[in-house]
Amino acid sequence: MQIRVMNREYISYYKSPIGLIEIVGTSDSITELNFADKRRQDSTSHPNVRKAKQQVAEYFEGTRRQFDLRLEMSGTDFQRQVWQRLQTVPYGRTASYQDIARGIGRPAAVRAVGAANGRNPVAIIVPCHRIIGKNGHLVGYGSGIWRKEWLLKHEGYLLI
């Protein structure tokens, strides 16, 4: 029998212009970034998640365009392929769900790409907000289209 030791979970919060952000991680990686309604009462922080909080703050201040964090994202092989591809979409640019599907060699998997995009556990860090419909319209953002629009405008993307 193999026993797996679970890393302790640490949490930090950042009050962004578009809502409270909860950053979750272990002592060596970031596992989640979510918009939260309130802070957890029993949360404890760690230098690793405080580093992520600092980089998120720099992103919102406009001084950071790329994140330099170790991520541990749980998902299927397909989801991880999509999330990896999302990271190739540069700051201030967008790609369509179809572009991502083609980029991972699965051109017919547009809807599956959309579903994987929606399950991205580290929003903003892995820029799922940069993925739009092939017609150029904003579609699908679990934290609200208004946040997606705000993030894209923040990055200097001109919406049509």
Foldseek 3Di string as FASTA:
>chain_A
DDDDDDFDKAWDWDQAPVAIWIWIDGQAFTEAIDGDPDDDPPHHHYVQSVLVNVQVVCVRVVNDFADDTHHDYDDDPVLVLLLVLLNVAGQLAAEELQRSCVVSVRNVCSVVSLVSLQVPRYDPNSPSLRYDHPVQHRDDDPVDSVVSVVRNVSSVHDGD
